[in-house]
N, C-alpha and C. Protein backbone atom coordinates (compact mmCIF):
# COMPACT_ATOMS: atom_id res chain seq x y z
N MET A 1 0.82 -1.19 0.00
CA MET A 1 0.00 0.00 0.00
C MET A 1 0.86 1.26 0.00
N ARG A 2 2.12 1.10 0.25
CA ARG A 2 3.00 2.26 0.27
C ARG A 2 3.67 2.48 -1.08
N SER A 3 3.49 1.55 -1.99
CA SER A 3 4.09 1.69 -3.31
C SER A 3 3.17 2.49 -4.23
N ASN A 4 3.78 3.31 -5.04
CA ASN A 4 3.05 4.06 -6.06
C ASN A 4 3.63 3.67 -7.41
N LEU A 5 3.00 2.69 -8.05
CA LEU A 5 3.53 2.20 -9.32
C LEU A 5 3.55 3.27 -10.40
N PHE A 6 2.67 4.25 -10.30
CA PHE A 6 2.67 5.34 -11.27
C PHE A 6 4.00 6.08 -11.24
N GLU A 7 4.62 6.15 -10.08
CA GLU A 7 5.92 6.81 -9.94
C GLU A 7 7.09 5.84 -10.08
N GLU A 8 6.91 4.64 -9.57
CA GLU A 8 8.02 3.68 -9.51
C GLU A 8 8.28 2.94 -10.82
N ILE A 9 7.22 2.61 -11.56
CA ILE A 9 7.39 1.85 -12.80
C ILE A 9 6.57 2.53 -13.90
N LYS A 10 7.25 3.35 -14.68
CA LYS A 10 6.59 4.09 -15.76
C LYS A 10 6.71 3.39 -17.10
N ALA A 11 7.68 2.49 -17.20
CA ALA A 11 7.91 1.77 -18.46
C ALA A 11 8.47 0.39 -18.14
N ILE A 12 8.22 -0.53 -19.05
CA ILE A 12 8.74 -1.89 -18.94
C ILE A 12 9.19 -2.31 -20.34
N GLU A 13 10.24 -3.09 -20.42
CA GLU A 13 10.84 -3.42 -21.71
C GLU A 13 10.35 -4.72 -22.31
N VAL A 14 9.36 -5.33 -21.71
CA VAL A 14 8.79 -6.58 -22.22
C VAL A 14 7.29 -6.41 -22.39
N PRO A 15 6.65 -7.25 -23.17
CA PRO A 15 5.18 -7.16 -23.29
C PRO A 15 4.51 -7.32 -21.93
N ILE A 16 3.40 -6.61 -21.75
CA ILE A 16 2.66 -6.68 -20.49
C ILE A 16 1.17 -6.82 -20.80
N TYR A 17 0.54 -7.72 -20.07
CA TYR A 17 -0.87 -8.00 -20.28
C TYR A 17 -1.61 -7.94 -18.94
N PHE A 18 -2.74 -7.25 -18.93
CA PHE A 18 -3.58 -7.13 -17.74
C PHE A 18 -4.85 -7.94 -17.98
N PHE A 19 -5.11 -8.90 -17.12
CA PHE A 19 -6.33 -9.71 -17.16
C PHE A 19 -7.15 -9.30 -15.94
N HIS A 20 -8.28 -8.67 -16.17
CA HIS A 20 -8.98 -8.08 -15.03
C HIS A 20 -10.47 -8.39 -15.04
N GLY A 21 -10.94 -8.96 -13.94
CA GLY A 21 -12.36 -9.20 -13.75
C GLY A 21 -13.05 -7.91 -13.32
N ILE A 22 -14.16 -7.61 -13.91
CA ILE A 22 -14.90 -6.38 -13.63
C ILE A 22 -15.37 -6.33 -12.17
N TYR A 23 -15.56 -7.51 -11.55
CA TYR A 23 -16.04 -7.58 -10.17
C TYR A 23 -14.91 -7.79 -9.16
N ASP A 24 -13.69 -7.52 -9.57
CA ASP A 24 -12.53 -7.70 -8.68
C ASP A 24 -12.50 -6.59 -7.64
N TYR A 25 -12.65 -6.96 -6.38
CA TYR A 25 -12.58 -5.97 -5.30
C TYR A 25 -11.25 -6.07 -4.55
N THR A 26 -10.38 -6.97 -4.98
CA THR A 26 -9.04 -7.07 -4.41
C THR A 26 -8.11 -6.08 -5.08
N VAL A 27 -8.22 -5.98 -6.41
CA VAL A 27 -7.44 -5.03 -7.20
C VAL A 27 -8.44 -4.13 -7.92
N ASN A 28 -8.38 -2.85 -7.67
CA ASN A 28 -9.36 -1.91 -8.20
C ASN A 28 -9.31 -1.86 -9.73
N TYR A 29 -10.45 -2.11 -10.35
CA TYR A 29 -10.55 -2.18 -11.81
C TYR A 29 -10.20 -0.84 -12.48
N SER A 30 -10.81 0.23 -12.04
CA SER A 30 -10.56 1.53 -12.70
C SER A 30 -9.13 2.00 -12.49
N LEU A 31 -8.54 1.73 -11.34
CA LEU A 31 -7.15 2.10 -11.10
C LEU A 31 -6.22 1.28 -11.98
N SER A 32 -6.54 0.01 -12.17
CA SER A 32 -5.74 -0.84 -13.07
C SER A 32 -5.78 -0.31 -14.50
N LYS A 33 -6.96 0.13 -14.95
CA LYS A 33 -7.08 0.70 -16.30
C LYS A 33 -6.24 1.97 -16.42
N LYS A 34 -6.27 2.80 -15.40
CA LYS A 34 -5.47 4.04 -15.43
C LYS A 34 -3.98 3.72 -15.49
N TYR A 35 -3.55 2.73 -14.73
CA TYR A 35 -2.14 2.35 -14.76
C TYR A 35 -1.77 1.78 -16.12
N TYR A 36 -2.64 0.97 -16.69
CA TYR A 36 -2.41 0.43 -18.02
C TYR A 36 -2.20 1.57 -19.04
N GLN A 37 -3.01 2.59 -18.96
CA GLN A 37 -2.87 3.73 -19.86
C GLN A 37 -1.57 4.48 -19.61
N HIS A 38 -1.09 4.45 -18.40
CA HIS A 38 0.10 5.19 -17.99
C HIS A 38 1.41 4.50 -18.40
N ILE A 39 1.45 3.19 -18.26
CA ILE A 39 2.70 2.47 -18.46
C ILE A 39 3.03 2.32 -19.95
N THR A 40 4.30 2.36 -20.24
CA THR A 40 4.78 2.18 -21.61
C THR A 40 5.43 0.80 -21.72
N ALA A 41 5.12 0.10 -22.81
CA ALA A 41 5.69 -1.23 -23.06
C ALA A 41 5.67 -1.48 -24.56
N PRO A 42 6.54 -2.36 -25.06
CA PRO A 42 6.55 -2.62 -26.51
C PRO A 42 5.21 -3.16 -27.01
N VAL A 43 4.56 -3.98 -26.22
CA VAL A 43 3.22 -4.49 -26.51
C VAL A 43 2.50 -4.54 -25.18
N LYS A 44 1.26 -4.09 -25.17
CA LYS A 44 0.47 -4.20 -23.95
C LYS A 44 -0.98 -4.45 -24.31
N GLY A 45 -1.67 -5.15 -23.42
CA GLY A 45 -3.07 -5.43 -23.64
C GLY A 45 -3.82 -5.44 -22.32
N PHE A 46 -5.02 -4.91 -22.34
CA PHE A 46 -5.90 -4.93 -21.16
C PHE A 46 -7.14 -5.70 -21.55
N TYR A 47 -7.46 -6.74 -20.78
CA TYR A 47 -8.57 -7.63 -21.09
C TYR A 47 -9.56 -7.63 -19.94
N THR A 48 -10.77 -7.17 -20.22
CA THR A 48 -11.82 -7.14 -19.20
C THR A 48 -12.62 -8.43 -19.26
N PHE A 49 -12.79 -9.05 -18.12
CA PHE A 49 -13.61 -10.24 -17.99
C PHE A 49 -14.90 -9.84 -17.29
N LYS A 50 -15.99 -9.85 -18.02
CA LYS A 50 -17.25 -9.29 -17.54
C LYS A 50 -18.03 -10.21 -16.60
N LYS A 51 -17.59 -11.44 -16.44
CA LYS A 51 -18.27 -12.37 -15.54
C LYS A 51 -17.33 -12.83 -14.42
N SER A 52 -16.27 -12.07 -14.17
CA SER A 52 -15.24 -12.51 -13.23
C SER A 52 -14.94 -11.47 -12.16
N ALA A 53 -14.30 -11.98 -11.11
CA ALA A 53 -13.78 -11.13 -10.04
C ALA A 53 -12.26 -11.20 -10.11
N HIS A 54 -11.62 -11.77 -9.09
CA HIS A 54 -10.16 -11.75 -8.99
C HIS A 54 -9.47 -12.91 -9.72
N SER A 55 -10.23 -13.87 -10.22
CA SER A 55 -9.61 -15.05 -10.83
C SER A 55 -10.22 -15.38 -12.19
N PRO A 56 -10.05 -14.51 -13.18
CA PRO A 56 -10.66 -14.76 -14.48
C PRO A 56 -10.20 -16.05 -15.15
N MET A 57 -9.00 -16.52 -14.80
CA MET A 57 -8.52 -17.76 -15.41
C MET A 57 -9.34 -18.97 -14.98
N PHE A 58 -10.01 -18.86 -13.83
CA PHE A 58 -10.89 -19.93 -13.35
C PHE A 58 -12.36 -19.63 -13.63
N GLU A 59 -12.71 -18.35 -13.64
CA GLU A 59 -14.10 -17.95 -13.79
C GLU A 59 -14.55 -17.88 -15.25
N GLU A 60 -13.61 -17.60 -16.15
CA GLU A 60 -13.88 -17.57 -17.60
C GLU A 60 -12.72 -18.23 -18.34
N PRO A 61 -12.50 -19.53 -18.09
CA PRO A 61 -11.31 -20.18 -18.66
C PRO A 61 -11.24 -20.20 -20.18
N GLU A 62 -12.37 -20.31 -20.86
CA GLU A 62 -12.32 -20.36 -22.33
C GLU A 62 -11.77 -19.05 -22.90
N LYS A 63 -12.26 -17.94 -22.39
CA LYS A 63 -11.79 -16.63 -22.85
C LYS A 63 -10.31 -16.44 -22.50
N PHE A 64 -9.96 -16.83 -21.29
CA PHE A 64 -8.57 -16.71 -20.84
C PHE A 64 -7.62 -17.48 -21.76
N ILE A 65 -7.96 -18.72 -22.06
CA ILE A 65 -7.11 -19.56 -22.91
C ILE A 65 -7.04 -19.00 -24.33
N LYS A 66 -8.14 -18.51 -24.84
CA LYS A 66 -8.16 -17.90 -26.19
C LYS A 66 -7.19 -16.72 -26.24
N ILE A 67 -7.20 -15.87 -25.23
CA ILE A 67 -6.30 -14.71 -25.19
C ILE A 67 -4.85 -15.18 -25.10
N LEU A 68 -4.59 -16.17 -24.27
CA LEU A 68 -3.22 -16.69 -24.17
C LEU A 68 -2.72 -17.21 -25.52
N LYS A 69 -3.55 -17.99 -26.19
CA LYS A 69 -3.14 -18.60 -27.46
C LYS A 69 -3.02 -17.59 -28.59
N GLU A 70 -3.99 -16.68 -28.69
CA GLU A 70 -4.07 -15.81 -29.87
C GLU A 70 -3.37 -14.47 -29.70
N ASP A 71 -3.12 -14.06 -28.48
CA ASP A 71 -2.45 -12.77 -28.25
C ASP A 71 -1.11 -12.95 -27.53
N VAL A 72 -1.16 -13.42 -26.30
CA VAL A 72 0.04 -13.45 -25.46
C VAL A 72 1.16 -14.29 -26.09
N LEU A 73 0.87 -15.50 -26.49
CA LEU A 73 1.92 -16.36 -27.05
C LEU A 73 2.46 -15.84 -28.39
N LEU A 74 1.67 -15.02 -29.07
CA LEU A 74 2.11 -14.48 -30.36
C LEU A 74 2.60 -13.03 -30.26
N GLY A 75 2.61 -12.49 -29.05
CA GLY A 75 3.08 -11.11 -28.84
C GLY A 75 2.16 -10.07 -29.45
N LYS A 76 0.86 -10.35 -29.45
CA LYS A 76 -0.12 -9.43 -30.02
C LYS A 76 -1.04 -8.88 -28.93
N ASN A 77 -1.95 -8.01 -29.35
CA ASN A 77 -2.97 -7.49 -28.42
C ASN A 77 -4.29 -7.26 -29.14
N GLU A 78 -4.54 -8.05 -30.16
CA GLU A 78 -5.73 -7.85 -31.00
C GLU A 78 -7.05 -8.14 -30.29
N LEU A 79 -7.04 -8.95 -29.27
CA LEU A 79 -8.25 -9.28 -28.53
C LEU A 79 -8.46 -8.35 -27.33
N SER A 80 -7.53 -7.43 -27.11
CA SER A 80 -7.64 -6.55 -25.94
C SER A 80 -8.78 -5.56 -26.08
N ASP A 81 -9.17 -4.97 -24.96
CA ASP A 81 -10.24 -3.96 -24.96
C ASP A 81 -9.86 -2.83 -25.91
N LYS A 82 -10.77 -2.45 -26.75
CA LYS A 82 -10.48 -1.39 -27.73
C LYS A 82 -10.86 -0.01 -27.22
N SER A 83 -11.61 0.05 -26.11
CA SER A 83 -12.10 1.34 -25.61
C SER A 83 -11.06 2.05 -24.73
N ILE A 84 -9.92 1.41 -24.50
CA ILE A 84 -8.92 2.03 -23.62
C ILE A 84 -8.01 2.91 -24.44
């Protein structure tokens, strides 16, 4: 709680992917989106899971696996949220 990632990590040199359940109350959804917009990376993707909380890989496994296969493993972000 004492870390401010907005100040501490402004850029990363590897692809970064955010998998976020809309009902996640452990990690704030809107703050995660703001950080995603803030951070710089060669490839980045933000994926909203509309039926999930903190564990989208278990709550929406089909969508999670599709993103892993079609985006993450290929270094793409074509399935990511387009409204960000």
